[in-house]
Amino acid sequence: MSRNPLLAKVHIARKELGLDEDSYRAILERVTGNSSAAGLTDRQLDAVLGEFKRLGWTPPGAGTGASRYRAASGTAHVRKVFALWSDMCRQGIPETPTRAGLLAFVRRMTKTDQRPDGLDDPEWLLPAEANQVVEGLKAWRRRALAKRGGAA
């Protein structure tokens, strides 16, 4: 039995949009007239995906030809920044658990008199700057976990 890739995309999009069961069923009903995606035609599944896109879902690599995941950095200190950020996102710590959230944090942490706007990308961090960002992320994680009552 082969699985319909459009149906799989619908389920992925639902999860990424964070739709609860009732909201998901309401969208299916509104778009297709059915409350279950199991029996939908490809055209109906495309319509549901179109609605999810309208609601803010972006398919992996949409419009860029790129993959959803970024290639690992060539430098260990930058990989450490990304690894720590990813770990914090899994723990639900950042309010904006996206690459844009990390870029904003790096920008704030790298503002100096010589660089009033900070750095726009962790890839440009020198080892000492990356260490400063890593220590900032670790302190943030400790504070967030302490606030929750968890161990750091």
C-alpha atoms as a PDB file:
ATOM      1  CA  MET A   1       0.000   0.000   0.000  1.00  0.00           C
ATOM      2  CA  SER A   2       1.621   3.289  -1.069  1.00  0.00           C
ATOM      3  CA  ARG A   3       1.178   6.437   0.958  1.00  0.00           C
ATOM      4  CA  ASN A   4       0.034   9.612  -0.757  1.00  0.00           C
ATOM      5  CA  PRO A   5       2.834  12.202  -0.429  1.00  0.00           C
ATOM      6  CA  LEU A   6       0.276  15.035  -0.488  1.00  0.00           C
ATOM      7  CA  LEU A   7      -1.487  13.512   2.508  1.00  0.00           C
ATOM      8  CA  ALA A   8       1.841  13.305   4.314  1.00  0.00           C
ATOM      9  CA  LYS A   9       2.480  16.981   3.528  1.00  0.00           C
ATOM     10  CA  VAL A  10      -0.929  17.903   4.946  1.00  0.00           C
ATOM     11  CA  HIS A  11      -0.068  16.156   8.210  1.00  0.00           C
ATOM     12  CA  ILE A  12       3.380  17.766   8.342  1.00  0.00           C
ATOM     13  CA  ALA A  13       1.894  21.209   7.705  1.00  0.00           C
ATOM     14  CA  ARG A  14      -0.741  20.664  10.392  1.00  0.00           C
ATOM     15  CA  LYS A  15       1.945  19.798  12.917  1.00  0.00           C
ATOM     16  CA  GLU A  16       4.178  22.721  11.939  1.00  0.00           C
ATOM     17  CA  LEU A  17       1.248  25.148  12.167  1.00  0.00           C
ATOM     18  CA  GLY A  18       0.437  23.753  15.608  1.00  0.00           C
ATOM     19  CA  LEU A  19      -3.213  23.133  14.768  1.00  0.00           C
ATOM     20  CA  ASP A  20      -5.286  21.300  17.363  1.00  0.00           C
ATOM     21  CA  GLU A  21      -7.692  18.582  16.252  1.00  0.00           C
ATOM     22  CA  ASP A  22     -10.776  20.823  16.133  1.00  0.00           C
ATOM     23  CA  SER A  23      -9.055  23.602  14.164  1.00  0.00           C
ATOM     24  CA  TYR A  24      -7.612  21.087  11.709  1.00  0.00           C
ATOM     25  CA  ARG A  25     -10.993  19.423  11.129  1.00  0.00           C
ATOM     26  CA  ALA A  26     -12.667  22.831  10.723  1.00  0.00           C
ATOM     27  CA  ILE A  27     -10.178  23.816   8.010  1.00  0.00           C
ATOM     28  CA  LEU A  28     -10.664  20.501   6.201  1.00  0.00           C
ATOM     29  CA  GLU A  29     -14.436  20.933   6.366  1.00  0.00           C
ATOM     30  CA  ARG A  30     -14.296  24.535   5.146  1.00  0.00           C
ATOM     31  CA  VAL A  31     -11.910  23.834   2.259  1.00  0.00           C
ATOM     32  CA  THR A  32     -13.114  20.416   1.081  1.00  0.00           C
ATOM     33  CA  GLY A  33     -16.464  19.687   2.718  1.00  0.00           C
ATOM     34  CA  ASN A  34     -14.911  16.651   4.469  1.00  0.00           C
ATOM     35  CA  SER A  35     -13.670  16.471   8.036  1.00  0.00           C
ATOM     36  CA  SER A  36     -11.080  13.784   7.292  1.00  0.00           C
ATOM     37  CA  ALA A  37      -8.105  13.996   4.954  1.00  0.00           C
ATOM     38  CA  ALA A  38      -7.970  10.229   4.438  1.00  0.00           C
ATOM     39  CA  GLY A  39     -10.381  10.096   1.498  1.00  0.00           C
ATOM     40  CA  LEU A  40      -9.503  13.388  -0.197  1.00  0.00           C
ATOM     41  CA  THR A  41      -8.458  13.585  -3.836  1.00  0.00           C
ATOM     42  CA  ASP A  42      -5.108  15.056  -4.826  1.00  0.00           C
ATOM     43  CA  ARG A  43      -6.880  18.239  -5.939  1.00  0.00           C
ATOM     44  CA  GLN A  44      -8.544  18.579  -2.525  1.00  0.00           C
ATOM     45  CA  LEU A  45      -5.262  17.905  -0.715  1.00  0.00           C
ATOM     46  CA  ASP A  46      -3.632  20.622  -2.848  1.00  0.00           C
ATOM     47  CA  ALA A  47      -6.424  22.997  -1.823  1.00  0.00           C
ATOM     48  CA  VAL A  48      -5.818  22.189   1.864  1.00  0.00           C
ATOM     49  CA  LEU A  49      -2.080  22.780   1.424  1.00  0.00           C
ATOM     50  CA  GLY A  50      -2.893  26.087  -0.274  1.00  0.00           C
ATOM     51  CA  GLU A  51      -4.965  27.097   2.739  1.00  0.00           C
ATOM     52  CA  PHE A  52      -2.147  26.098   5.093  1.00  0.00           C
ATOM     53  CA  LYS A  53       0.243  28.259   3.053  1.00  0.00           C
ATOM     54  CA  ARG A  54      -2.213  31.140   3.336  1.00  0.00           C
ATOM     55  CA  LEU A  55      -2.195  30.612   7.101  1.00  0.00           C
ATOM     56  CA  GLY A  56       1.598  30.909   7.192  1.00  0.00           C
ATOM     57  CA  TRP A  57       2.977  27.443   6.568  1.00  0.00           C
ATOM     58  CA  THR A  58       6.060  27.386   4.375  1.00  0.00           C
ATOM     59  CA  PRO A  59       6.987  24.108   2.703  1.00  0.00           C
ATOM     60  CA  PRO A  60      10.630  23.086   3.144  1.00  0.00           C
ATOM     61  CA  GLY A  61      12.847  24.952   0.665  1.00  0.00           C
ATOM     62  CA  ALA A  62       9.885  26.869  -0.780  1.00  0.00           C
ATOM     63  CA  GLY A  63      10.996  29.414  -3.327  1.00  0.00           C
ATOM     64  CA  THR A  64      14.684  28.932  -2.641  1.00  0.00           C
ATOM     65  CA  GLY A  65      15.473  25.552  -4.086  1.00  0.00           C
ATOM     66  CA  ALA A  66      17.296  24.999  -0.795  1.00  0.00           C
ATOM     67  CA  SER A  67      16.711  22.337   1.745  1.00  0.00           C
ATOM     68  CA  ARG A  68      14.884  23.106   4.980  1.00  0.00           C
ATOM     69  CA  TYR A  69      18.022  22.475   6.967  1.00  0.00           C
ATOM     70  CA  ARG A  70      21.128  24.559   6.777  1.00  0.00           C
ATOM     71  CA  ALA A  71      24.495  22.921   6.194  1.00  0.00           C
ATOM     72  CA  ALA A  72      26.702  22.584   9.244  1.00  0.00           C
ATOM     73  CA  SER A  73      29.223  25.332   9.736  1.00  0.00           C
ATOM     74  CA  GLY A  74      32.842  24.687   8.934  1.00  0.00           C
ATOM     75  CA  THR A  75      33.962  26.039  12.299  1.00  0.00           C
ATOM     76  CA  ALA A  76      33.473  24.386  15.673  1.00  0.00           C
ATOM     77  CA  HIS A  77      32.734  27.581  17.589  1.00  0.00           C
ATOM     78  CA  VAL A  78      29.829  28.417  15.254  1.00  0.00           C
ATOM     79  CA  ARG A  79      28.491  24.848  15.422  1.00  0.00           C
ATOM     80  CA  LYS A  80      28.491  25.197  19.218  1.00  0.00           C
ATOM     81  CA  VAL A  81      26.284  28.324  18.979  1.00  0.00           C
ATOM     82  CA  PHE A  82      23.797  26.525  16.710  1.00  0.00           C
ATOM     83  CA  ALA A  83      23.834  23.362  18.846  1.00  0.00           C
ATOM     84  CA  LEU A  84      23.148  25.284  22.034  1.00  0.00           C
ATOM     85  CA  TRP A  85      20.375  27.292  20.359  1.00  0.00           C
ATOM     86  CA  SER A  86      18.764  24.096  19.020  1.00  0.00           C
ATOM     87  CA  ASP A  87      18.898  22.524  22.464  1.00  0.00           C
ATOM     88  CA  MET A  88      17.249  25.588  23.997  1.00  0.00           C
ATOM     89  CA  CYS A  89      14.528  25.509  21.317  1.00  0.00           C
ATOM     90  CA  ARG A  90      13.784  21.862  22.120  1.00  0.00           C
ATOM     91  CA  GLN A  91      13.428  22.899  25.766  1.00  0.00           C
ATOM     92  CA  GLY A  92      10.987  25.657  24.772  1.00  0.00           C
ATOM     93  CA  ILE A  93      13.151  28.468  26.149  1.00  0.00           C
ATOM     94  CA  PRO A  94      13.308  31.104  23.375  1.00  0.00           C
ATOM     95  CA  GLU A  95      10.108  33.019  22.740  1.00  0.00           C
ATOM     96  CA  THR A  96      11.069  33.045  19.045  1.00  0.00           C
ATOM     97  CA  PRO A  97      12.605  29.578  18.453  1.00  0.00           C
ATOM     98  CA  THR A  98      13.672  30.346  14.883  1.00  0.00           C
ATOM     99  CA  ARG A  99      16.830  31.244  13.034  1.00  0.00           C
ATOM    100  CA  ALA A 100      15.632  34.864  13.111  1.00  0.00           C
ATOM    101  CA  GLY A 101      15.488  34.643  16.913  1.00  0.00           C
ATOM    102  CA  LEU A 102      19.075  33.397  17.031  1.00  0.00           C
ATOM    103  CA  LEU A 103      20.220  36.151  14.655  1.00  0.00           C
ATOM    104  CA  ALA A 104      18.581  38.779  16.876  1.00  0.00           C
ATOM    105  CA  PHE A 105      20.328  37.330  19.942  1.00  0.00           C
ATOM    106  CA  VAL A 106      23.714  37.268  18.164  1.00  0.00           C
ATOM    107  CA  ARG A 107      23.171  40.851  17.004  1.00  0.00           C
ATOM    108  CA  ARG A 108      22.454  42.015  20.580  1.00  0.00           C
ATOM    109  CA  MET A 109      25.407  40.105  21.999  1.00  0.00           C
ATOM    110  CA  THR A 110      27.885  41.490  19.444  1.00  0.00           C
ATOM    111  CA  LYS A 111      26.981  45.178  19.619  1.00  0.00           C
ATOM    112  CA  THR A 112      30.030  47.238  20.495  1.00  0.00           C
ATOM    113  CA  ASP A 113      31.238  50.802  20.008  1.00  0.00           C
ATOM    114  CA  GLN A 114      33.190  49.633  16.949  1.00  0.00           C
ATOM    115  CA  ARG A 115      30.225  47.629  15.652  1.00  0.00           C
ATOM    116  CA  PRO A 116      27.061  49.497  16.743  1.00  0.00           C
ATOM    117  CA  ASP A 117      24.725  47.200  14.776  1.00  0.00           C
ATOM    118  CA  GLY A 118      26.337  43.917  15.845  1.00  0.00           C
ATOM    119  CA  LEU A 119      26.892  40.911  13.590  1.00  0.00           C
ATOM    120  CA  ASP A 120      24.063  39.654  11.398  1.00  0.00           C
ATOM    121  CA  ASP A 121      25.126  36.019  11.207  1.00  0.00           C
ATOM    122  CA  PRO A 122      26.801  33.556  13.600  1.00  0.00           C
ATOM    123  CA  GLU A 123      29.010  32.390  10.717  1.00  0.00           C
ATOM    124  CA  TRP A 124      30.947  35.661  10.996  1.00  0.00           C
ATOM    125  CA  LEU A 125      31.753  35.212  14.682  1.00  0.00           C
ATOM    126  CA  LEU A 126      35.369  35.090  15.722  1.00  0.00           C
ATOM    127  CA  PRO A 127      36.135  32.451  18.381  1.00  0.00           C
ATOM    128  CA  ALA A 128      36.116  35.026  21.210  1.00  0.00           C
ATOM    129  CA  GLU A 129      32.794  36.481  20.014  1.00  0.00           C
ATOM    130  CA  ALA A 130      31.301  33.008  19.673  1.00  0.00           C
ATOM    131  CA  ASN A 131      32.416  32.261  23.230  1.00  0.00           C
ATOM    132  CA  GLN A 132      30.626  35.413  24.408  1.00  0.00           C
ATOM    133  CA  VAL A 133      27.438  34.321  22.588  1.00  0.00           C
ATOM    134  CA  VAL A 134      27.707  30.755  23.946  1.00  0.00           C
ATOM    135  CA  GLU A 135      28.132  32.027  27.508  1.00  0.00           C
ATOM    136  CA  GLY A 136      25.140  34.337  27.006  1.00  0.00           C
ATOM    137  CA  LEU A 137      23.012  31.433  25.762  1.00  0.00           C
ATOM    138  CA  LYS A 138      24.123  29.239  28.670  1.00  0.00           C
ATOM    139  CA  ALA A 139      23.260  31.969  31.192  1.00  0.00           C
ATOM    140  CA  TRP A 140      19.855  32.445  29.540  1.00  0.00           C
ATOM    141  CA  ARG A 141      19.203  28.701  29.704  1.00  0.00           C
ATOM    142  CA  ARG A 142      20.209  28.562  33.388  1.00  0.00           C
ATOM    143  CA  ARG A 143      17.857  31.446  34.241  1.00  0.00           C
ATOM    144  CA  ALA A 144      14.962  29.918  32.288  1.00  0.00           C
ATOM    145  CA  LEU A 145      15.410  26.487  33.834  1.00  0.00           C
ATOM    146  CA  ALA A 146      15.794  27.958  37.339  1.00  0.00           C
ATOM    147  CA  LYS A 147      12.575  29.916  36.813  1.00  0.00           C
ATOM    148  CA  ARG A 148      10.823  26.664  35.887  1.00  0.00           C
ATOM    149  CA  GLY A 149      12.329  24.915  38.885  1.00  0.00           C
ATOM    150  CA  GLY A 150      14.444  22.582  36.730  1.00  0.00           C
ATOM    151  CA  ALA A 151      18.119  21.804  36.883  1.00  0.00           C
ATOM    152  CA  ALA A 152      20.519  23.555  34.521  1.00  0.00           C
END
